[in-house]
Each structure stands twice: as C-alpha cells, then as structure tokens.
N, C-alpha and C. Protein backbone atom coordinates (compact mmCIF):
# COMPACT_ATOMS: atom_id res chain seq x y z
N UNK A 1 -5.20 -22.74 12.56
CA UNK A 1 -6.13 -22.96 11.12
C UNK A 1 -5.15 -23.53 9.80
N UNK A 2 -3.97 -23.72 9.78
CA UNK A 2 -3.50 -24.01 8.66
C UNK A 2 -3.50 -25.65 9.04
N UNK A 3 -3.46 -26.34 10.14
CA UNK A 3 -3.68 -27.84 10.17
C UNK A 3 -5.22 -28.01 10.01
N UNK A 4 -6.24 -27.26 10.19
CA UNK A 4 -7.64 -27.42 10.12
C UNK A 4 -8.00 -27.39 8.57
N UNK A 5 -7.00 -26.38 7.59
CA UNK A 5 -7.41 -26.48 5.97
C UNK A 5 -6.92 -27.51 5.62
N UNK A 6 -5.29 -28.01 6.36
CA UNK A 6 -5.03 -29.14 5.74
C UNK A 6 -5.84 -30.55 5.82
N UNK A 7 -6.34 -30.71 6.96
CA UNK A 7 -7.02 -31.80 7.27
C UNK A 7 -8.23 -31.96 6.58
N UNK A 8 -9.11 -30.58 6.56
CA UNK A 8 -10.48 -30.57 5.41
C UNK A 8 -9.97 -30.31 3.79
N UNK A 9 -8.54 -30.49 3.79
CA UNK A 9 -8.66 -30.39 1.88
C UNK A 9 -8.60 -28.92 1.36
N UNK A 10 -8.56 -27.83 2.24
CA UNK A 10 -9.01 -26.65 1.81
C UNK A 10 -7.63 -25.90 1.37
N UNK A 11 -7.21 -26.54 0.37
CA UNK A 11 -5.67 -25.90 0.05
C UNK A 11 -5.93 -25.05 -1.28
N UNK A 12 -5.54 -23.60 -0.91
CA UNK A 12 -6.15 -22.85 -2.33
C UNK A 12 -4.96 -22.97 -3.20
N UNK A 13 -5.85 -22.34 -4.42
CA UNK A 13 -4.87 -22.67 -5.51
C UNK A 13 -4.30 -21.27 -5.58
N UNK A 14 -4.54 -20.36 -5.18
CA UNK A 14 -3.45 -19.10 -5.22
C UNK A 14 -3.95 -18.23 -4.00
N UNK A 15 -3.03 -17.50 -3.38
CA UNK A 15 -3.16 -16.59 -2.37
C UNK A 15 -3.19 -15.28 -2.57
N UNK A 16 -4.06 -14.50 -2.28
CA UNK A 16 -4.00 -12.97 -2.53
C UNK A 16 -3.79 -12.45 -1.19
N UNK A 17 -2.75 -11.63 -1.00
CA UNK A 17 -2.35 -11.40 0.36
C UNK A 17 -1.85 -10.00 0.78
N UNK A 18 -2.44 -9.32 1.56
CA UNK A 18 -1.98 -7.75 1.77
C UNK A 18 -0.36 -7.81 2.30
N UNK A 19 -0.01 -7.13 1.87
CA UNK A 19 1.77 -6.88 2.09
C UNK A 19 1.97 -6.47 3.48
N UNK A 20 0.75 -6.42 4.29
CA UNK A 20 1.15 -5.32 5.68
C UNK A 20 1.96 -6.65 6.79
N UNK A 21 2.67 -6.33 7.45
CA UNK A 21 3.45 -7.23 7.93
C UNK A 21 2.63 -8.33 9.04
N UNK A 22 1.54 -7.99 9.71
CA UNK A 22 0.90 -8.93 10.48
C UNK A 22 0.23 -9.86 9.24
N UNK A 23 -0.44 -9.47 8.01
CA UNK A 23 -0.89 -10.41 7.17
C UNK A 23 0.04 -11.35 6.48
N UNK A 24 1.17 -10.77 6.44
CA UNK A 24 2.44 -11.61 5.98
C UNK A 24 2.83 -12.87 7.09
N UNK A 25 3.02 -12.29 8.37
CA UNK A 25 3.14 -13.27 9.36
C UNK A 25 2.15 -14.50 9.69
N UNK A 26 0.96 -14.04 9.13
CA UNK A 26 -0.45 -15.12 9.32
C UNK A 26 -0.08 -15.92 8.08
N UNK A 27 -0.04 -15.44 7.03
CA UNK A 27 0.45 -16.33 6.05
C UNK A 27 1.58 -17.22 6.06
N UNK A 28 2.80 -16.89 6.42
CA UNK A 28 4.13 -17.65 7.04
C UNK A 28 3.61 -18.89 7.81
N UNK A 29 2.87 -18.69 8.94
CA UNK A 29 2.25 -19.40 9.99
C UNK A 29 1.45 -20.19 9.42
N UNK A 30 0.29 -19.71 8.33
CA UNK A 30 -0.50 -20.69 7.61
C UNK A 30 0.00 -21.62 6.54
N UNK A 31 0.81 -21.25 6.12
CA UNK A 31 1.77 -22.17 5.03
C UNK A 31 2.67 -23.19 5.60
N UNK A 32 3.18 -22.95 6.91
CA UNK A 32 3.80 -23.74 7.51
C UNK A 32 3.02 -24.77 7.94
N UNK A 33 1.92 -24.91 8.25
CA UNK A 33 0.88 -26.06 8.68
C UNK A 33 0.14 -26.50 7.41
N UNK A 34 0.26 -25.82 6.45
CA UNK A 34 -0.37 -26.42 5.24
C UNK A 34 0.28 -27.71 4.89
N UNK A 35 1.62 -27.63 4.60
CA UNK A 35 2.02 -28.56 4.26
C UNK A 35 2.15 -28.74 2.67
N UNK A 36 1.85 -27.48 2.47
CA UNK A 36 1.30 -26.96 0.67
C UNK A 36 2.18 -25.36 0.47
N UNK A 37 2.45 -25.60 -0.51
CA UNK A 37 2.93 -23.87 -0.88
C UNK A 37 2.36 -23.43 -2.39
N UNK A 38 1.15 -23.00 -2.26
CA UNK A 38 0.42 -22.52 -3.17
C UNK A 38 1.36 -21.28 -3.27
N UNK A 39 0.69 -20.82 -4.64
CA UNK A 39 1.76 -19.38 -5.25
C UNK A 39 0.92 -18.31 -4.10
N UNK A 40 1.67 -17.25 -4.10
CA UNK A 40 1.17 -16.27 -2.99
C UNK A 40 1.40 -14.75 -3.89
N UNK A 41 0.47 -14.06 -4.03
CA UNK A 41 0.75 -12.59 -4.23
C UNK A 41 0.48 -11.58 -3.51
N UNK A 42 1.37 -10.64 -3.25
CA UNK A 42 1.21 -9.65 -2.13
C UNK A 42 1.11 -8.47 -2.82
N UNK A 43 -0.19 -8.02 -2.55
CA UNK A 43 -0.83 -7.10 -3.24
C UNK A 43 -1.06 -5.89 -2.68
N UNK A 44 -0.47 -4.36 -2.90
CA UNK A 44 -0.52 -3.58 -2.61
C UNK A 44 -2.08 -2.94 -1.93
N UNK A 45 -2.77 -3.13 -3.09
CA UNK A 45 -4.41 -2.81 -3.14
C UNK A 45 -5.02 -3.51 -1.87
N UNK A 46 -4.66 -4.50 -1.18
CA UNK A 46 -5.44 -5.42 -0.43
C UNK A 46 -5.15 -4.44 1.26
N UNK A 47 -4.21 -3.70 1.37
CA UNK A 47 -4.09 -3.34 2.57
C UNK A 47 -5.18 -2.08 2.68
N UNK A 48 -5.83 -2.66 4.02
CA UNK A 48 -7.06 -1.76 4.59
C UNK A 48 -8.34 -1.53 3.29
N UNK A 49 -8.38 -2.45 2.26
CA UNK A 49 -9.20 -2.50 1.34
C UNK A 49 -10.73 -2.24 1.76
N UNK A 50 -11.57 -1.66 0.75
CA UNK A 50 -13.05 -1.85 1.17
C UNK A 50 -13.64 -3.03 0.45
N UNK A 51 -14.91 -3.66 0.47
CA UNK A 51 -15.10 -4.34 -0.04
C UNK A 51 -15.04 -4.25 -1.68
N UNK A 52 -15.44 -3.41 -2.31
CA UNK A 52 -15.12 -2.96 -3.77
C UNK A 52 -14.13 -3.50 -4.06
N UNK A 53 -12.93 -2.82 -3.33
CA UNK A 53 -11.61 -3.14 -3.98
C UNK A 53 -11.11 -4.41 -3.81
N UNK A 54 -11.34 -5.01 -3.00
CA UNK A 54 -10.80 -6.60 -2.82
C UNK A 54 -11.88 -7.18 -4.00
N UNK A 55 -13.13 -6.77 -4.15
CA UNK A 55 -13.66 -7.72 -5.03
C UNK A 55 -13.05 -7.52 -6.63
N UNK A 56 -12.66 -6.44 -6.74
CA UNK A 56 -12.01 -5.83 -7.89
C UNK A 56 -10.64 -6.57 -8.10
N UNK A 57 -9.93 -7.08 -7.15
CA UNK A 57 -8.64 -7.64 -7.31
C UNK A 57 -8.84 -9.37 -7.37
N UNK A 58 -9.88 -9.47 -6.59
CA UNK A 58 -10.20 -11.10 -6.80
C UNK A 58 -10.80 -11.19 -8.31
N UNK A 59 -11.54 -10.49 -8.80
CA UNK A 59 -11.89 -10.32 -10.07
C UNK A 59 -10.95 -10.40 -11.03
N UNK A 60 -9.76 -10.11 -10.82
CA UNK A 60 -8.25 -10.24 -11.69
C UNK A 60 -7.68 -11.46 -11.82
N UNK A 61 -8.18 -12.39 -10.65
CA UNK A 61 -7.40 -13.68 -10.61
C UNK A 61 -7.72 -14.56 -12.05
N UNK A 62 -6.91 -15.42 -12.40
CA UNK A 62 -7.20 -16.20 -13.76
C UNK A 62 -8.52 -17.13 -13.23
N UNK A 63 -9.37 -16.98 -14.05
CA UNK A 63 -10.60 -17.83 -14.19
C UNK A 63 -10.42 -19.39 -14.10
N UNK A 64 -9.49 -19.72 -14.49
CA UNK A 64 -9.45 -21.42 -14.48
C UNK A 64 -8.83 -22.28 -12.80
N UNK A 65 -8.51 -20.83 -12.01
CA UNK A 65 -8.58 -21.29 -10.54
C UNK A 65 -9.70 -21.59 -10.02
N UNK A 66 -9.68 -23.10 -9.43
CA UNK A 66 -10.73 -23.42 -8.72
C UNK A 66 -10.69 -23.01 -7.25
N UNK A 67 -9.85 -22.27 -6.70
CA UNK A 67 -10.06 -21.77 -5.49
C UNK A 67 -9.01 -20.64 -5.09
N UNK A 68 -9.32 -19.59 -3.86
CA UNK A 68 -8.46 -18.55 -3.84
C UNK A 68 -8.71 -18.44 -2.17
N UNK A 69 -7.64 -18.05 -1.75
CA UNK A 69 -7.44 -17.36 -0.27
C UNK A 69 -7.38 -16.25 0.12
N UNK A 70 -8.10 -15.16 0.36
CA UNK A 70 -7.70 -13.92 0.43
C UNK A 70 -7.28 -13.48 1.93
N UNK A 71 -6.22 -12.85 2.19
CA UNK A 71 -5.53 -12.85 3.60
C UNK A 71 -5.52 -11.07 3.73
N UNK A 72 -6.55 -10.40 4.30
CA UNK A 72 -6.57 -8.89 4.16
C UNK A 72 -6.90 -8.43 5.35
N UNK A 73 -7.65 -7.37 5.65
CA UNK A 73 -8.04 -6.71 6.69
C UNK A 73 -9.68 -6.54 6.91
N UNK A 74 -9.90 -6.24 8.19
CA UNK A 74 -11.23 -6.06 8.33
C UNK A 74 -11.10 -4.49 8.64
N UNK A 75 -12.44 -3.91 8.21
CA UNK A 75 -13.72 -4.55 8.22
C UNK A 75 -13.95 -4.64 6.97
N UNK A 76 -13.07 -4.56 6.01
CA UNK A 76 -13.22 -4.50 4.39
C UNK A 76 -13.50 -6.22 3.87
N UNK A 77 -12.88 -6.97 4.87
CA UNK A 77 -12.90 -8.47 4.38
C UNK A 77 -13.95 -9.04 5.02
N UNK A 78 -14.37 -8.49 6.07
CA UNK A 78 -15.51 -9.41 6.72
C UNK A 78 -16.94 -8.54 5.82
N UNK A 79 -16.95 -7.38 5.70
CA UNK A 79 -18.20 -6.79 4.93
C UNK A 79 -18.06 -7.68 3.39
N UNK A 80 -17.15 -7.71 2.93
CA UNK A 80 -17.08 -8.62 1.54
C UNK A 80 -17.70 -9.90 1.58
N UNK A 81 -17.32 -10.64 2.71
CA UNK A 81 -17.56 -12.28 2.83
C UNK A 81 -19.04 -11.97 3.24
N UNK A 82 -19.49 -11.36 3.98
CA UNK A 82 -21.00 -11.28 4.62
C UNK A 82 -21.81 -10.73 3.05
N UNK A 83 -21.47 -9.92 2.59
CA UNK A 83 -22.02 -9.08 1.45
C UNK A 83 -22.12 -10.72 0.19
N UNK A 84 -21.24 -11.25 -0.12
CA UNK A 84 -21.21 -12.24 -1.08
C UNK A 84 -22.04 -13.53 -0.60
N UNK A 85 -22.06 -14.03 0.91
CA UNK A 85 -22.66 -15.12 1.25
C UNK A 85 -24.31 -14.76 1.67
N UNK A 86 -24.92 -15.39 0.64
CA UNK A 86 -26.70 -15.17 0.37
C UNK A 86 -27.43 -16.31 1.24
N UNK A 87 -26.32 -17.83 1.47
CA UNK A 87 -26.78 -18.66 1.76
C UNK A 87 -25.99 -19.50 2.35
N UNK A 88 -26.48 -20.77 2.49
CA UNK A 88 -25.52 -21.65 3.48
C UNK A 88 -25.51 -21.58 4.78
N UNK A 89 -24.67 -21.87 5.63
CA UNK A 89 -24.69 -22.28 7.07
C UNK A 89 -25.04 -20.91 7.76
N UNK A 90 -26.27 -21.08 8.20
CA UNK A 90 -26.94 -19.84 8.80
C UNK A 90 -26.50 -19.37 9.95
N UNK A 91 -25.91 -20.16 10.87
CA UNK A 91 -25.13 -19.97 12.29
C UNK A 91 -24.09 -19.00 11.86
N UNK A 92 -23.06 -19.53 11.07
CA UNK A 92 -22.23 -18.98 10.57
C UNK A 92 -22.36 -17.68 9.80
N UNK A 93 -23.22 -17.40 9.00
CA UNK A 93 -23.73 -16.04 8.76
C UNK A 93 -23.81 -15.03 9.74
N UNK A 94 -24.77 -15.37 10.59
CA UNK A 94 -24.98 -14.62 12.03
C UNK A 94 -23.67 -14.18 12.39
N UNK A 95 -22.89 -15.29 12.72
CA UNK A 95 -21.46 -15.00 13.52
C UNK A 95 -20.55 -13.86 12.89
N UNK A 96 -20.73 -14.55 11.39
CA UNK A 96 -19.63 -13.59 10.31
C UNK A 96 -20.54 -11.79 10.12
N UNK A 97 -21.74 -11.75 10.34
CA UNK A 97 -22.12 -10.25 10.42
C UNK A 97 -21.66 -9.71 11.82
N UNK A 98 -21.58 -10.62 12.69
CA UNK A 98 -20.99 -9.72 14.23
C UNK A 98 -19.98 -9.73 14.44
N UNK A 99 -19.09 -10.76 13.74
CA UNK A 99 -17.72 -10.73 13.85
C UNK A 99 -16.46 -11.43 13.18
N UNK A 100 -15.59 -11.09 12.65
CA UNK A 100 -15.00 -11.87 11.84
C UNK A 100 -13.08 -11.67 12.64
N UNK A 101 -12.92 -12.43 13.64
CA UNK A 101 -11.99 -12.34 14.34
C UNK A 101 -10.49 -12.75 13.58
N UNK A 102 -9.41 -12.18 14.20
CA UNK A 102 -8.14 -12.34 13.34
C UNK A 102 -8.18 -14.09 13.22
N UNK A 103 -7.65 -14.25 11.97
CA UNK A 103 -7.56 -15.63 11.55
C UNK A 103 -8.37 -16.35 11.63
N UNK A 104 -9.61 -16.00 11.52
CA UNK A 104 -11.19 -16.94 11.14
C UNK A 104 -10.94 -17.33 9.32
N UNK A 105 -11.58 -18.32 9.40
CA UNK A 105 -11.76 -18.48 7.73
C UNK A 105 -13.41 -18.60 7.45
N UNK A 106 -13.60 -18.06 6.47
CA UNK A 106 -15.02 -17.98 5.76
C UNK A 106 -14.72 -19.03 4.50
N UNK A 107 -15.24 -19.89 4.28
CA UNK A 107 -15.47 -20.94 3.49
C UNK A 107 -16.45 -20.56 2.40
N UNK A 108 -16.54 -19.87 1.28
CA UNK A 108 -17.55 -19.20 0.31
C UNK A 108 -17.52 -20.40 -0.91
N UNK A 109 -18.65 -20.96 -1.31
CA UNK A 109 -18.81 -21.69 -2.49
C UNK A 109 -19.61 -20.46 -3.42
N UNK A 110 -19.04 -20.22 -4.14
CA UNK A 110 -19.76 -19.30 -5.44
C UNK A 110 -20.00 -19.59 -6.73
N UNK A 111 -21.38 -19.62 -7.10
CA UNK A 111 -21.57 -19.89 -8.51
C UNK A 111 -21.29 -19.11 -9.71
N UNK A 112 -20.01 -18.90 -9.95
CA UNK A 112 -19.50 -18.42 -10.98
C UNK A 112 -18.82 -19.03 -12.07
N UNK A 113 -18.60 -18.69 -13.38
CA UNK A 113 -17.83 -19.59 -14.17
C UNK A 113 -16.36 -19.09 -14.22
N UNK A 114 -16.36 -17.28 -13.63
CA UNK A 114 -14.61 -16.90 -13.78
C UNK A 114 -15.21 -15.65 -12.44
N UNK A 115 -13.87 -15.33 -11.96
CA UNK A 115 -13.42 -14.47 -10.59
C UNK A 115 -14.26 -13.03 -10.75
N UNK A 116 -14.25 -12.77 -12.35
CA UNK A 116 -14.47 -11.45 -12.49
C UNK A 116 -16.18 -11.46 -12.68
N UNK A 117 -17.06 -12.40 -12.45
CA UNK A 117 -18.27 -12.74 -12.38
C UNK A 117 -18.96 -12.43 -10.95
N UNK A 118 -17.79 -12.67 -10.02
CA UNK A 118 -18.34 -12.54 -8.64
C UNK A 118 -19.03 -11.00 -8.48
N UNK A 119 -20.01 -11.65 -7.14
CA UNK A 119 -21.11 -10.47 -7.20
C UNK A 119 -21.93 -10.64 -5.95
N UNK A 120 -22.38 -9.60 -5.18
CA UNK A 120 -23.29 -9.73 -3.84
C UNK A 120 -24.45 -11.15 -4.38
N UNK A 121 -24.41 -12.15 -3.04
CA UNK A 121 -25.28 -13.14 -3.03
C UNK A 121 -24.98 -14.33 -4.18
N UNK A 122 -24.06 -14.52 -4.54
CA UNK A 122 -23.72 -15.43 -5.56
C UNK A 122 -23.08 -16.44 -4.82
N UNK A 123 -22.90 -16.22 -3.51
CA UNK A 123 -22.02 -17.62 -2.87
C UNK A 123 -23.47 -18.06 -1.76
N UNK A 124 -22.55 -19.35 -1.26
CA UNK A 124 -22.88 -19.85 -0.18
C UNK A 124 -22.03 -19.78 1.13
N UNK A 125 -22.18 -19.70 2.21
CA UNK A 125 -21.29 -20.19 3.15
C UNK A 125 -21.33 -21.28 3.51
N UNK A 126 -20.22 -21.78 3.22
CA UNK A 126 -20.01 -23.21 3.84
C UNK A 126 -19.70 -23.68 5.07
N UNK A 127 -18.80 -22.83 5.59
CA UNK A 127 -18.40 -22.98 7.10
C UNK A 127 -17.88 -21.45 7.32
N UNK A 128 -17.89 -21.05 8.64
CA UNK A 128 -16.98 -20.21 8.85
C UNK A 128 -16.27 -20.41 10.32
N UNK A 129 -15.34 -20.90 10.42
CA UNK A 129 -14.31 -21.06 11.78
C UNK A 129 -13.45 -20.05 12.08
N UNK A 130 -13.76 -19.62 13.45
CA UNK A 130 -12.69 -18.84 14.05
C UNK A 130 -11.66 -19.82 15.03
N UNK A 131 -10.37 -19.01 15.13
CA UNK A 131 -9.35 -20.13 15.71
C UNK A 131 -9.81 -20.51 17.02
N UNK A 132 -10.89 -20.16 17.64
CA UNK A 132 -11.28 -20.65 18.95
C UNK A 132 -12.44 -21.82 19.05
N UNK A 133 -12.70 -21.97 17.78
CA UNK A 133 -13.13 -23.10 17.25
C UNK A 133 -12.76 -24.50 17.19
N UNK A 134 -11.24 -24.07 17.04
CA UNK A 134 -10.59 -25.28 16.82
C UNK A 134 -9.90 -25.71 18.31
N UNK A 135 -9.63 -27.03 17.99
CA UNK A 135 -8.98 -27.74 19.43
C UNK A 135 -7.72 -27.15 19.73
C-alpha cells in the first residue's frame, strides 16, 4: 500500500495512529515504502475507537493541513469512512459498506475549510483500495 500511495502522490501531511502494536507495525511498513516521513501522532483515544471518537480526534488536527492519514481499528474506522462518504466511487462505497480489510485505503475528498467541520455526508470517496487490488 505504501508503494501505491507513493506512486499516486498520496503522501499525508500528518498521520494519526492508534498506539496498538499492529497499527504501529502497519505504519512502520507503510512509511518505509512511502519514501517520505510525515509527522505521526500516536493517540491512545484511537485504540478501538468508535466513529464519534475518531471524528473528534480528526477535528483536533490543525486546519491548515491539506491531508491526514488515520490508522486505526474496525469496526470504527469502516463505519466512519462509510458515514462520511456520501458520493464518489459508487462501487468503492458498496465495497466499503461490506468490508474494510486490514491494510485497505479509503481516500476521501471532503468539502470543509477545517478538520473540525468534518461531518456525515460531506465527503466523496475518491477510491477504495484493498491490498488484494494491488499487483
């Protein structure tokens, strides 16, 4: 996924990551392939967080950041991505509603001026990519 993100120019300005061992390992593998080292914050509240908690933590990100990557856990992460995405990639939204596999990437484009304005339905799903989709 890191190589895919690098190739597609999907380098986040900030990473919010659960402190769990598995999410830390995912981040370490990802950052090695990105060939970039965006700042990362390991946030206890992201561990097994519900969508509302994830949204609250995202809302605390500096408003000037153009992009964020959230590495957290299901079912909260899947539920939040599905809740935010009201349009965009129709097939991707169907897949996202069904399953959010480990290591998958949901790229959302959200029409907000600041992260604390993020709410249900304000984003379009640009793409949903699972590891099995990649060569």
